[in-house]
Amino acid sequence: MTVRERIAGIQKELADGALTPDLARESLVRLTSLLGNVHDAQRKADHEYKLVLLGCMAGGEAANRARIRAEVSEQYQAASEMKDLANLVQEMIRSCKAYMRSLEEEQRLTR
C-alpha cells in the first residue's frame, strides 16, 4: 500500500462522519508518522523536477520559456502532487488536533 493510499484511507475514515476520540487519536498518530514519508517523496520529486528544469535552461532558451517547458513535464506533475499531498496531511493533522482540543474543552466544562 502506497503512502497516498494510506492517506486516502485515513481521509475516508475521517470524512465518514463517525469520528470517535479513539479514531481521531489513531489518525493523528498515523498522519504524523506518514508526514515524514510525504516530505521525503516531496524532496525527491522536487529534485527530479529541478533536473528537468536545469536541462531545459541548458538548451539556451529564455528562462521563462524553459520554465514553461519544464512545468509540463511528468516530474513537475509529481512534484506538484507531492506538495498538495503534504498540505493535505498538514490540514488533516490540524483538524484532528482541533477535534481533540474541543473534546478536552468539553470534558473540562462538564466537570
PDB file of N, CA and C in Angstrom:
ATOM      1  N   MET A   1       0.853  -1.179   0.000  1.00  0.00           N
ATOM      2  CA  MET A   1       0.000   0.000   0.000  1.00  0.00           C
ATOM      3  C   MET A   1       0.898   1.241   0.000  1.00  0.00           C
ATOM      4  N   THR A   2       0.628   2.155  -0.920  1.00  0.00           N
ATOM      5  CA  THR A   2       1.446   3.363  -1.027  1.00  0.00           C
ATOM      6  C   THR A   2       1.058   4.379   0.050  1.00  0.00           C
ATOM      7  N   VAL A   3       1.903   5.372   0.202  1.00  0.00           N
ATOM      8  CA  VAL A   3       1.639   6.443   1.169  1.00  0.00           C
ATOM      9  C   VAL A   3       0.352   7.161   0.794  1.00  0.00           C
ATOM     10  N   ARG A   4       0.163   7.417  -0.496  1.00  0.00           N
ATOM     11  CA  ARG A   4      -1.064   8.093  -0.946  1.00  0.00           C
ATOM     12  C   ARG A   4      -2.307   7.285  -0.595  1.00  0.00           C
ATOM     13  N   GLU A   5      -2.230   5.975  -0.792  1.00  0.00           N
ATOM     14  CA  GLU A   5      -3.382   5.114  -0.478  1.00  0.00           C
ATOM     15  C   GLU A   5      -3.669   5.103   1.022  1.00  0.00           C
ATOM     16  N   ARG A   6      -2.612   5.080   1.824  1.00  0.00           N
ATOM     17  CA  ARG A   6      -2.806   5.119   3.283  1.00  0.00           C
ATOM     18  C   ARG A   6      -3.473   6.429   3.705  1.00  0.00           C
ATOM     19  N   ILE A   7      -2.992   7.528   3.141  1.00  0.00           N
ATOM     20  CA  ILE A   7      -3.563   8.834   3.486  1.00  0.00           C
ATOM     21  C   ILE A   7      -5.008   8.922   3.013  1.00  0.00           C
ATOM     22  N   ALA A   8      -5.278   8.409   1.817  1.00  0.00           N
ATOM     23  CA  ALA A   8      -6.657   8.414   1.301  1.00  0.00           C
ATOM     24  C   ALA A   8      -7.563   7.582   2.202  1.00  0.00           C
ATOM     25  N   GLY A   9      -7.050   6.470   2.724  1.00  0.00           N
ATOM     26  CA  GLY A   9      -7.837   5.642   3.639  1.00  0.00           C
ATOM     27  C   GLY A   9      -8.171   6.380   4.929  1.00  0.00           C
ATOM     28  N   ILE A  10      -7.188   7.071   5.476  1.00  0.00           N
ATOM     29  CA  ILE A  10      -7.417   7.860   6.698  1.00  0.00           C
ATOM     30  C   ILE A  10      -8.399   8.984   6.411  1.00  0.00           C
ATOM     31  N   GLN A  11      -8.243   9.625   5.271  1.00  0.00           N
ATOM     32  CA  GLN A  11      -9.148  10.716   4.893  1.00  0.00           C
ATOM     33  C   GLN A  11     -10.578  10.204   4.793  1.00  0.00           C
ATOM     34  N   LYS A  12     -10.757   9.032   4.223  1.00  0.00           N
ATOM     35  CA  LYS A  12     -12.093   8.454   4.092  1.00  0.00           C
ATOM     36  C   LYS A  12     -12.678   8.152   5.467  1.00  0.00           C
ATOM     37  N   GLU A  13     -11.865   7.586   6.363  1.00  0.00           N
ATOM     38  CA  GLU A  13     -12.330   7.300   7.724  1.00  0.00           C
ATOM     39  C   GLU A  13     -12.780   8.573   8.431  1.00  0.00           C
ATOM     40  N   LEU A  14     -12.001   9.630   8.284  1.00  0.00           N
ATOM     41  CA  LEU A  14     -12.335  10.890   8.952  1.00  0.00           C
ATOM     42  C   LEU A  14     -13.566  11.548   8.343  1.00  0.00           C
ATOM     43  N   ALA A  15     -13.753  11.363   7.047  1.00  0.00           N
ATOM     44  CA  ALA A  15     -14.864  12.010   6.356  1.00  0.00           C
ATOM     45  C   ALA A  15     -16.185  11.259   6.519  1.00  0.00           C
ATOM     46  N   ASP A  16     -16.136  10.029   6.974  1.00  0.00           N
ATOM     47  CA  ASP A  16     -17.359   9.238   7.105  1.00  0.00           C
ATOM     48  C   ASP A  16     -18.324   9.799   8.144  1.00  0.00           C
ATOM     49  N   GLY A  17     -17.831  10.643   9.030  1.00  0.00           N
ATOM     50  CA  GLY A  17     -18.720  11.305   9.970  1.00  0.00           C
ATOM     51  C   GLY A  17     -18.841  10.637  11.321  1.00  0.00           C
ATOM     52  N   ALA A  18     -18.365   9.422  11.459  1.00  0.00           N
ATOM     53  CA  ALA A  18     -18.452   8.703  12.737  1.00  0.00           C
ATOM     54  C   ALA A  18     -17.113   8.818  13.469  1.00  0.00           C
ATOM     55  N   LEU A  19     -16.663  10.041  13.650  1.00  0.00           N
ATOM     56  CA  LEU A  19     -15.364  10.271  14.279  1.00  0.00           C
ATOM     57  C   LEU A  19     -15.481  10.105  15.788  1.00  0.00           C
ATOM     58  N   THR A  20     -14.670   9.228  16.314  1.00  0.00           N
ATOM     59  CA  THR A  20     -14.614   8.993  17.755  1.00  0.00           C
ATOM     60  C   THR A  20     -13.278   9.527  18.270  1.00  0.00           C
ATOM     61  N   PRO A  21     -13.181   9.743  19.568  1.00  0.00           N
ATOM     62  CA  PRO A  21     -11.892  10.196  20.114  1.00  0.00           C
ATOM     63  C   PRO A  21     -10.760   9.212  19.814  1.00  0.00           C
ATOM     64  N   ASP A  22     -11.043   7.912  19.891  1.00  0.00           N
ATOM     65  CA  ASP A  22     -10.007   6.917  19.597  1.00  0.00           C
ATOM     66  C   ASP A  22      -9.566   6.985  18.145  1.00  0.00           C
ATOM     67  N   LEU A  23     -10.522   7.124  17.237  1.00  0.00           N
ATOM     68  CA  LEU A  23     -10.188   7.216  15.819  1.00  0.00           C
ATOM     69  C   LEU A  23      -9.388   8.487  15.532  1.00  0.00           C
ATOM     70  N   ALA A  24      -9.753   9.582  16.182  1.00  0.00           N
ATOM     71  CA  ALA A  24      -9.022  10.845  15.987  1.00  0.00           C
ATOM     72  C   ALA A  24      -7.586  10.707  16.479  1.00  0.00           C
ATOM     73  N   ARG A  25      -7.395  10.094  17.639  1.00  0.00           N
ATOM     74  CA  ARG A  25      -6.039   9.898  18.175  1.00  0.00           C
ATOM     75  C   ARG A  25      -5.221   8.992  17.265  1.00  0.00           C
ATOM     76  N   GLU A  26      -5.826   7.895  16.854  1.00  0.00           N
ATOM     77  CA  GLU A  26      -5.134   6.943  15.987  1.00  0.00           C
ATOM     78  C   GLU A  26      -4.777   7.600  14.647  1.00  0.00           C
ATOM     79  N   SER A  27      -5.701   8.348  14.090  1.00  0.00           N
ATOM     80  CA  SER A  27      -5.455   9.025  12.817  1.00  0.00           C
ATOM     81  C   SER A  27      -4.355  10.058  12.958  1.00  0.00           C
ATOM     82  N   LEU A  28      -4.360  10.776  14.054  1.00  0.00           N
ATOM     83  CA  LEU A  28      -3.333  11.784  14.298  1.00  0.00           C
ATOM     84  C   LEU A  28      -1.947  11.144  14.346  1.00  0.00           C
ATOM     85  N   VAL A  29      -1.835  10.042  15.040  1.00  0.00           N
ATOM     86  CA  VAL A  29      -0.545   9.352  15.134  1.00  0.00           C
ATOM     87  C   VAL A  29      -0.114   8.840  13.761  1.00  0.00           C
ATOM     88  N   ARG A  30      -1.036   8.232  13.018  1.00  0.00           N
ATOM     89  CA  ARG A  30      -0.706   7.700  11.698  1.00  0.00           C
ATOM     90  C   ARG A  30      -0.338   8.812  10.723  1.00  0.00           C
ATOM     91  N   LEU A  31      -1.092   9.897  10.732  1.00  0.00           N
ATOM     92  CA  LEU A  31      -0.805  11.013   9.825  1.00  0.00           C
ATOM     93  C   LEU A  31       0.540  11.664  10.138  1.00  0.00           C
ATOM     94  N   THR A  32       0.822  11.809  11.412  1.00  0.00           N
ATOM     95  CA  THR A  32       2.086  12.415  11.810  1.00  0.00           C
ATOM     96  C   THR A  32       3.260  11.560  11.352  1.00  0.00           C
ATOM     97  N   SER A  33       3.106  10.250  11.474  1.00  0.00           N
ATOM     98  CA  SER A  33       4.197   9.380  11.030  1.00  0.00           C
ATOM     99  C   SER A  33       4.316   9.362   9.507  1.00  0.00           C
ATOM    100  N   LEU A  34       3.206   9.465   8.808  1.00  0.00           N
ATOM    101  CA  LEU A  34       3.243   9.480   7.342  1.00  0.00           C
ATOM    102  C   LEU A  34       3.769  10.797   6.776  1.00  0.00           C
ATOM    103  N   LEU A  35       3.681  11.862   7.553  1.00  0.00           N
ATOM    104  CA  LEU A  35       4.136  13.167   7.072  1.00  0.00           C
ATOM    105  C   LEU A  35       5.617  13.138   6.702  1.00  0.00           C
ATOM    106  N   GLY A  36       6.416  12.429   7.466  1.00  0.00           N
ATOM    107  CA  GLY A  36       7.836  12.305   7.138  1.00  0.00           C
ATOM    108  C   GLY A  36       8.039  11.608   5.801  1.00  0.00           C
ATOM    109  N   ASN A  37       7.253  10.563   5.541  1.00  0.00           N
ATOM    110  CA  ASN A  37       7.338   9.864   4.266  1.00  0.00           C
ATOM    111  C   ASN A  37       6.938  10.778   3.116  1.00  0.00           C
ATOM    112  N   VAL A  38       5.912  11.579   3.340  1.00  0.00           N
ATOM    113  CA  VAL A  38       5.460  12.512   2.309  1.00  0.00           C
ATOM    114  C   VAL A  38       6.544  13.546   2.023  1.00  0.00           C
ATOM    115  N   HIS A  39       7.184  14.048   3.060  1.00  0.00           N
ATOM    116  CA  HIS A  39       8.246  15.031   2.863  1.00  0.00           C
ATOM    117  C   HIS A  39       9.423  14.431   2.107  1.00  0.00           C
ATOM    118  N   ASP A  40       9.756  13.171   2.391  1.00  0.00           N
ATOM    119  CA  ASP A  40      10.833  12.508   1.646  1.00  0.00           C
ATOM    120  C   ASP A  40      10.475  12.393   0.170  1.00  0.00           C
ATOM    121  N   ALA A  41       9.255  11.963  -0.119  1.00  0.00           N
ATOM    122  CA  ALA A  41       8.806  11.832  -1.509  1.00  0.00           C
ATOM    123  C   ALA A  41       8.751  13.197  -2.188  1.00  0.00           C
ATOM    124  N   GLN A  42       8.353  14.204  -1.432  1.00  0.00           N
ATOM    125  CA  GLN A  42       8.280  15.567  -1.977  1.00  0.00           C
ATOM    126  C   GLN A  42       9.672  16.070  -2.351  1.00  0.00           C
ATOM    127  N   ARG A  43      10.643  15.818  -1.490  1.00  0.00           N
ATOM    128  CA  ARG A  43      12.021  16.227  -1.777  1.00  0.00           C
ATOM    129  C   ARG A  43      12.548  15.549  -3.039  1.00  0.00           C
ATOM    130  N   LYS A  44      12.292  14.254  -3.162  1.00  0.00           N
ATOM    131  CA  LYS A  44      12.761  13.501  -4.325  1.00  0.00           C
ATOM    132  C   LYS A  44      12.098  14.018  -5.606  1.00  0.00           C
ATOM    133  N   ALA A  45      10.779  14.221  -5.570  1.00  0.00           N
ATOM    134  CA  ALA A  45      10.051  14.705  -6.751  1.00  0.00           C
ATOM    135  C   ALA A  45      10.516  16.109  -7.132  1.00  0.00           C
ATOM    136  N   ASP A  46      10.758  16.941  -6.136  1.00  0.00           N
ATOM    137  CA  ASP A  46      11.217  18.304  -6.408  1.00  0.00           C
ATOM    138  C   ASP A  46      12.609  18.282  -7.049  1.00  0.00           C
ATOM    139  N   HIS A  47      13.463  17.399  -6.569  1.00  0.00           N
ATOM    140  CA  HIS A  47      14.808  17.271  -7.144  1.00  0.00           C
ATOM    141  C   HIS A  47      14.733  16.832  -8.608  1.00  0.00           C
ATOM    142  N   GLU A  48      13.883  15.852  -8.886  1.00  0.00           N
ATOM    143  CA  GLU A  48      13.736  15.374 -10.265  1.00  0.00           C
ATOM    144  C   GLU A  48      13.206  16.483 -11.176  1.00  0.00           C
ATOM    145  N   TYR A  49      12.277  17.275 -10.677  1.00  0.00           N
ATOM    146  CA  TYR A  49      11.766  18.400 -11.463  1.00  0.00           C
ATOM    147  C   TYR A  49      12.864  19.423 -11.729  1.00  0.00           C
ATOM    148  N   LYS A  50      13.664  19.722 -10.712  1.00  0.00           N
ATOM    149  CA  LYS A  50      14.732  20.705 -10.875  1.00  0.00           C
ATOM    150  C   LYS A  50      15.756  20.233 -11.911  1.00  0.00           C
ATOM    151  N   LEU A  51      15.984  18.919 -11.986  1.00  0.00           N
ATOM    152  CA  LEU A  51      16.891  18.399 -13.018  1.00  0.00           C
ATOM    153  C   LEU A  51      16.315  18.636 -14.416  1.00  0.00           C
ATOM    154  N   VAL A  52      15.005  18.435 -14.556  1.00  0.00           N
ATOM    155  CA  VAL A  52      14.356  18.702 -15.842  1.00  0.00           C
ATOM    156  C   VAL A  52      14.442  20.186 -16.169  1.00  0.00           C
ATOM    157  N   LEU A  53      14.183  21.023 -15.197  1.00  0.00           N
ATOM    158  CA  LEU A  53      14.262  22.478 -15.396  1.00  0.00           C
ATOM    159  C   LEU A  53      15.676  22.893 -15.807  1.00  0.00           C
ATOM    160  N   LEU A  54      16.652  22.328 -15.141  1.00  0.00           N
ATOM    161  CA  LEU A  54      18.040  22.636 -15.473  1.00  0.00           C
ATOM    162  C   LEU A  54      18.358  22.218 -16.907  1.00  0.00           C
ATOM    163  N   GLY A  55      17.851  21.054 -17.303  1.00  0.00           N
ATOM    164  CA  GLY A  55      18.053  20.601 -18.677  1.00  0.00           C
ATOM    165  C   GLY A  55      17.409  21.534 -19.687  1.00  0.00           C
ATOM    166  N   CYS A  56      16.235  22.016 -19.371  1.00  0.00           N
ATOM    167  CA  CYS A  56      15.545  22.950 -20.270  1.00  0.00           C
ATOM    168  C   CYS A  56      16.293  24.275 -20.353  1.00  0.00           C
ATOM    169  N   MET A  57      16.813  24.730 -19.238  1.00  0.00           N
ATOM    170  CA  MET A  57      17.538  26.008 -19.236  1.00  0.00           C
ATOM    171  C   MET A  57      18.883  25.885 -19.939  1.00  0.00           C
ATOM    172  N   ALA A  58      19.456  24.696 -19.924  1.00  0.00           N
ATOM    173  CA  ALA A  58      20.750  24.488 -20.576  1.00  0.00           C
ATOM    174  C   ALA A  58      20.608  24.513 -22.100  1.00  0.00           C
ATOM    175  N   GLY A  59      19.392  24.419 -22.583  1.00  0.00           N
ATOM    176  CA  GLY A  59      19.145  24.426 -24.018  1.00  0.00           C
ATOM    177  C   GLY A  59      19.310  25.789 -24.667  1.00  0.00           C
ATOM    178  N   GLY A  60      19.561  26.810 -23.890  1.00  0.00           N
ATOM    179  CA  GLY A  60      19.790  28.135 -24.444  1.00  0.00           C
ATOM    180  C   GLY A  60      18.527  28.970 -24.608  1.00  0.00           C
ATOM    181  N   GLU A  61      17.406  28.447 -24.168  1.00  0.00           N
ATOM    182  CA  GLU A  61      16.156  29.221 -24.268  1.00  0.00           C
ATOM    183  C   GLU A  61      16.123  30.302 -23.191  1.00  0.00           C
ATOM    184  N   ALA A  62      15.200  31.212 -23.356  1.00  0.00           N
ATOM    185  CA  ALA A  62      14.959  32.196 -22.300  1.00  0.00           C
ATOM    186  C   ALA A  62      14.439  31.453 -21.064  1.00  0.00           C
ATOM    187  N   ALA A  63      14.741  31.989 -19.900  1.00  0.00           N
ATOM    188  CA  ALA A  63      14.394  31.312 -18.645  1.00  0.00           C
ATOM    189  C   ALA A  63      12.896  31.073 -18.515  1.00  0.00           C
ATOM    190  N   ASN A  64      12.077  32.039 -18.921  1.00  0.00           N
ATOM    191  CA  ASN A  64      10.627  31.856 -18.776  1.00  0.00           C
ATOM    192  C   ASN A  64      10.114  30.754 -19.700  1.00  0.00           C
ATOM    193  N   ARG A  65      10.659  30.638 -20.886  1.00  0.00           N
ATOM    194  CA  ARG A  65      10.248  29.565 -21.801  1.00  0.00           C
ATOM    195  C   ARG A  65      10.725  28.200 -21.292  1.00  0.00           C
ATOM    196  N   ALA A  66      11.922  28.174 -20.745  1.00  0.00           N
ATOM    197  CA  ALA A  66      12.453  26.922 -20.194  1.00  0.00           C
ATOM    198  C   ALA A  66      11.601  26.461 -19.015  1.00  0.00           C
ATOM    199  N   ARG A  67      11.171  27.410 -18.185  1.00  0.00           N
ATOM    200  CA  ARG A  67      10.341  27.065 -17.022  1.00  0.00           C
ATOM    201  C   ARG A  67       8.984  26.519 -17.490  1.00  0.00           C
ATOM    202  N   ILE A  68       8.401  27.136 -18.491  1.00  0.00           N
ATOM    203  CA  ILE A  68       7.117  26.656 -19.023  1.00  0.00           C
ATOM    204  C   ILE A  68       7.285  25.243 -19.577  1.00  0.00           C
ATOM    205  N   ARG A  69       8.360  25.004 -20.309  1.00  0.00           N
ATOM    206  CA  ARG A  69       8.611  23.679 -20.869  1.00  0.00           C
ATOM    207  C   ARG A  69       8.774  22.640 -19.752  1.00  0.00           C
ATOM    208  N   ALA A  70       9.482  23.016 -18.692  1.00  0.00           N
ATOM    209  CA  ALA A  70       9.696  22.099 -17.561  1.00  0.00           C
ATOM    210  C   ALA A  70       8.405  21.851 -16.792  1.00  0.00           C
ATOM    211  N   GLU A  71       7.532  22.842 -16.737  1.00  0.00           N
ATOM    212  CA  GLU A  71       6.298  22.703 -15.964  1.00  0.00           C
ATOM    213  C   GLU A  71       5.251  21.818 -16.629  1.00  0.00           C
ATOM    214  N   VAL A  72       5.477  21.414 -17.856  1.00  0.00           N
ATOM    215  CA  VAL A  72       4.549  20.473 -18.492  1.00  0.00           C
ATOM    216  C   VAL A  72       5.091  19.042 -18.435  1.00  0.00           C
ATOM    217  N   SER A  73       6.173  18.845 -17.691  1.00  0.00           N
ATOM    218  CA  SER A  73       6.781  17.519 -17.586  1.00  0.00           C
ATOM    219  C   SER A  73       6.094  16.686 -16.504  1.00  0.00           C
ATOM    220  N   GLU A  74       6.304  15.383 -16.579  1.00  0.00           N
ATOM    221  CA  GLU A  74       5.777  14.472 -15.561  1.00  0.00           C
ATOM    222  C   GLU A  74       6.416  14.744 -14.200  1.00  0.00           C
ATOM    223  N   GLN A  75       7.664  15.169 -14.210  1.00  0.00           N
ATOM    224  CA  GLN A  75       8.362  15.442 -12.962  1.00  0.00           C
ATOM    225  C   GLN A  75       7.738  16.627 -12.224  1.00  0.00           C
ATOM    226  N   TYR A  76       7.329  17.647 -12.977  1.00  0.00           N
ATOM    227  CA  TYR A  76       6.653  18.783 -12.346  1.00  0.00           C
ATOM    228  C   TYR A  76       5.310  18.337 -11.767  1.00  0.00           C
ATOM    229  N   GLN A  77       4.592  17.508 -12.531  1.00  0.00           N
ATOM    230  CA  GLN A  77       3.304  16.982 -12.068  1.00  0.00           C
ATOM    231  C   GLN A  77       3.486  16.224 -10.752  1.00  0.00           C
ATOM    232  N   ALA A  78       4.511  15.365 -10.683  1.00  0.00           N
ATOM    233  CA  ALA A  78       4.772  14.588  -9.468  1.00  0.00           C
ATOM    234  C   ALA A  78       5.138  15.502  -8.302  1.00  0.00           C
ATOM    235  N   ALA A  79       5.965  16.515  -8.562  1.00  0.00           N
ATOM    236  CA  ALA A  79       6.354  17.449  -7.504  1.00  0.00           C
ATOM    237  C   ALA A  79       5.144  18.230  -6.994  1.00  0.00           C
ATOM    238  N   SER A  80       4.285  18.637  -7.907  1.00  0.00           N
ATOM    239  CA  SER A  80       3.081  19.369  -7.531  1.00  0.00           C
ATOM    240  C   SER A  80       2.135  18.495  -6.707  1.00  0.00           C
ATOM    241  N   GLU A  81       1.973  17.245  -7.110  1.00  0.00           N
ATOM    242  CA  GLU A  81       1.115  16.317  -6.366  1.00  0.00           C
ATOM    243  C   GLU A  81       1.651  16.077  -4.963  1.00  0.00           C
ATOM    244  N   MET A  82       2.962  15.942  -4.834  1.00  0.00           N
ATOM    245  CA  MET A  82       3.555  15.725  -3.506  1.00  0.00           C
ATOM    246  C   MET A  82       3.371  16.950  -2.616  1.00  0.00           C
ATOM    247  N   LYS A  83       3.477  18.129  -3.201  1.00  0.00           N
ATOM    248  CA  LYS A  83       3.259  19.361  -2.427  1.00  0.00           C
ATOM    249  C   LYS A  83       1.815  19.411  -1.938  1.00  0.00           C
ATOM    250  N   ASP A  84       0.882  19.092  -2.818  1.00  0.00           N
ATOM    251  CA  ASP A  84      -0.536  19.082  -2.438  1.00  0.00           C
ATOM    252  C   ASP A  84      -0.819  18.028  -1.372  1.00  0.00           C
ATOM    253  N   LEU A  85      -0.180  16.864  -1.502  1.00  0.00           N
ATOM    254  CA  LEU A  85      -0.372  15.799  -0.526  1.00  0.00           C
ATOM    255  C   LEU A  85       0.160  16.210   0.845  1.00  0.00           C
ATOM    256  N   ALA A  86       1.315  16.867   0.864  1.00  0.00           N
ATOM    257  CA  ALA A  86       1.877  17.349   2.126  1.00  0.00           C
ATOM    258  C   ALA A  86       0.937  18.368   2.779  1.00  0.00           C
ATOM    259  N   ASN A  87       0.367  19.264   1.976  1.00  0.00           N
ATOM    260  CA  ASN A  87      -0.585  20.245   2.509  1.00  0.00           C
ATOM    261  C   ASN A  87      -1.836  19.553   3.046  1.00  0.00           C
ATOM    262  N   LEU A  88      -2.317  18.533   2.343  1.00  0.00           N
ATOM    263  CA  LEU A  88      -3.485  17.784   2.792  1.00  0.00           C
ATOM    264  C   LEU A  88      -3.222  17.126   4.145  1.00  0.00           C
ATOM    265  N   VAL A  89      -2.063  16.482   4.270  1.00  0.00           N
ATOM    266  CA  VAL A  89      -1.722  15.814   5.529  1.00  0.00           C
ATOM    267  C   VAL A  89      -1.630  16.830   6.658  1.00  0.00           C
ATOM    268  N   GLN A  90      -1.018  17.973   6.393  1.00  0.00           N
ATOM    269  CA  GLN A  90      -0.919  19.025   7.420  1.00  0.00           C
ATOM    270  C   GLN A  90      -2.303  19.467   7.881  1.00  0.00           C
ATOM    271  N   GLU A  91      -3.203  19.666   6.937  1.00  0.00           N
ATOM    272  CA  GLU A  91      -4.562  20.098   7.296  1.00  0.00           C
ATOM    273  C   GLU A  91      -5.317  19.012   8.056  1.00  0.00           C
ATOM    274  N   MET A  92      -5.118  17.762   7.681  1.00  0.00           N
ATOM    275  CA  MET A  92      -5.768  16.673   8.400  1.00  0.00           C
ATOM    276  C   MET A  92      -5.237  16.577   9.829  1.00  0.00           C
ATOM    277  N   ILE A  93      -3.934  16.792   9.992  1.00  0.00           N
ATOM    278  CA  ILE A  93      -3.340  16.798  11.329  1.00  0.00           C
ATOM    279  C   ILE A  93      -3.939  17.936  12.157  1.00  0.00           C
ATOM    280  N   ARG A  94      -4.044  19.112  11.560  1.00  0.00           N
ATOM    281  CA  ARG A  94      -4.638  20.256  12.267  1.00  0.00           C
ATOM    282  C   ARG A  94      -6.078  19.969  12.665  1.00  0.00           C
ATOM    283  N   SER A  95      -6.825  19.332  11.775  1.00  0.00           N
ATOM    284  CA  SER A  95      -8.224  19.011  12.066  1.00  0.00           C
ATOM    285  C   SER A  95      -8.333  18.033  13.227  1.00  0.00           C
ATOM    286  N   CYS A  96      -7.489  17.011  13.231  1.00  0.00           N
ATOM    287  CA  CYS A  96      -7.507  16.039  14.333  1.00  0.00           C
ATOM    288  C   CYS A  96      -7.146  16.713  15.651  1.00  0.00           C
ATOM    289  N   LYS A  97      -6.147  17.585  15.625  1.00  0.00           N
ATOM    290  CA  LYS A  97      -5.750  18.294  16.843  1.00  0.00           C
ATOM    291  C   LYS A  97      -6.870  19.205  17.337  1.00  0.00           C
ATOM    292  N   ALA A  98      -7.528  19.897  16.422  1.00  0.00           N
ATOM    293  CA  ALA A  98      -8.631  20.781  16.815  1.00  0.00           C
ATOM    294  C   ALA A  98      -9.774  19.967  17.415  1.00  0.00           C
ATOM    295  N   TYR A  99     -10.065  18.818  16.833  1.00  0.00           N
ATOM    296  CA  TYR A  99     -11.114  17.946  17.363  1.00  0.00           C
ATOM    297  C   TYR A  99     -10.745  17.479  18.769  1.00  0.00           C
ATOM    298  N   MET A 100      -9.494  17.085  18.955  1.00  0.00           N
ATOM    299  CA  MET A 100      -9.052  16.617  20.275  1.00  0.00           C
ATOM    300  C   MET A 100      -9.130  17.752  21.305  1.00  0.00           C
ATOM    301  N   ARG A 101      -8.738  18.963  20.894  1.00  0.00           N
ATOM    302  CA  ARG A 101      -8.829  20.104  21.818  1.00  0.00           C
ATOM    303  C   ARG A 101     -10.276  20.401  22.198  1.00  0.00           C
ATOM    304  N   SER A 102     -11.181  20.307  21.228  1.00  0.00           N
ATOM    305  CA  SER A 102     -12.584  20.584  21.540  1.00  0.00           C
ATOM    306  C   SER A 102     -13.147  19.530  22.485  1.00  0.00           C
ATOM    307  N   LEU A 103     -12.729  18.288  22.319  1.00  0.00           N
ATOM    308  CA  LEU A 103     -13.169  17.242  23.250  1.00  0.00           C
ATOM    309  C   LEU A 103     -12.648  17.501  24.659  1.00  0.00           C
ATOM    310  N   GLU A 104     -11.377  17.885  24.754  1.00  0.00           N
ATOM    311  CA  GLU A 104     -10.797  18.181  26.063  1.00  0.00           C
ATOM    312  C   GLU A 104     -11.513  19.352  26.725  1.00  0.00           C
ATOM    313  N   GLU A 105     -11.829  20.376  25.945  1.00  0.00           N
ATOM    314  CA  GLU A 105     -12.535  21.539  26.482  1.00  0.00           C
ATOM    315  C   GLU A 105     -13.940  21.148  26.942  1.00  0.00           C
ATOM    316  N   GLU A 106     -14.597  20.325  26.154  1.00  0.00           N
ATOM    317  CA  GLU A 106     -15.939  19.864  26.502  1.00  0.00           C
ATOM    318  C   GLU A 106     -15.905  19.054  27.804  1.00  0.00           C
ATOM    319  N   GLN A 107     -14.909  18.191  27.951  1.00  0.00           N
ATOM    320  CA  GLN A 107     -14.776  17.414  29.178  1.00  0.00           C
ATOM    321  C   GLN A 107     -14.473  18.306  30.371  1.00  0.00           C
ATOM    322  N   ARG A 108     -13.656  19.311  30.135  1.00  0.00           N
ATOM    323  CA  ARG A 108     -13.303  20.232  31.214  1.00  0.00           C
ATOM    324  C   ARG A 108     -14.528  21.001  31.703  1.00  0.00           C
ATOM    325  N   LEU A 109     -15.381  21.389  30.764  1.00  0.00           N
ATOM    326  CA  LEU A 109     -16.570  22.167  31.129  1.00  0.00           C
ATOM    327  C   LEU A 109     -17.642  21.317  31.807  1.00  0.00           C
ATOM    328  N   THR A 110     -17.658  20.044  31.559  1.00  0.00           N
ATOM    329  CA  THR A 110     -18.676  19.182  32.163  1.00  0.00           C
ATOM    330  C   THR A 110     -18.312  18.753  33.587  1.00  0.00           C
ATOM    331  N   ARG A 111     -17.114  19.058  34.031  1.00  0.00           N
ATOM    332  CA  ARG A 111     -16.704  18.663  35.397  1.00  0.00           C
ATOM    333  C   ARG A 111     -17.252  19.569  36.441  1.00  0.00           C
TER     334      ARG A 111
END
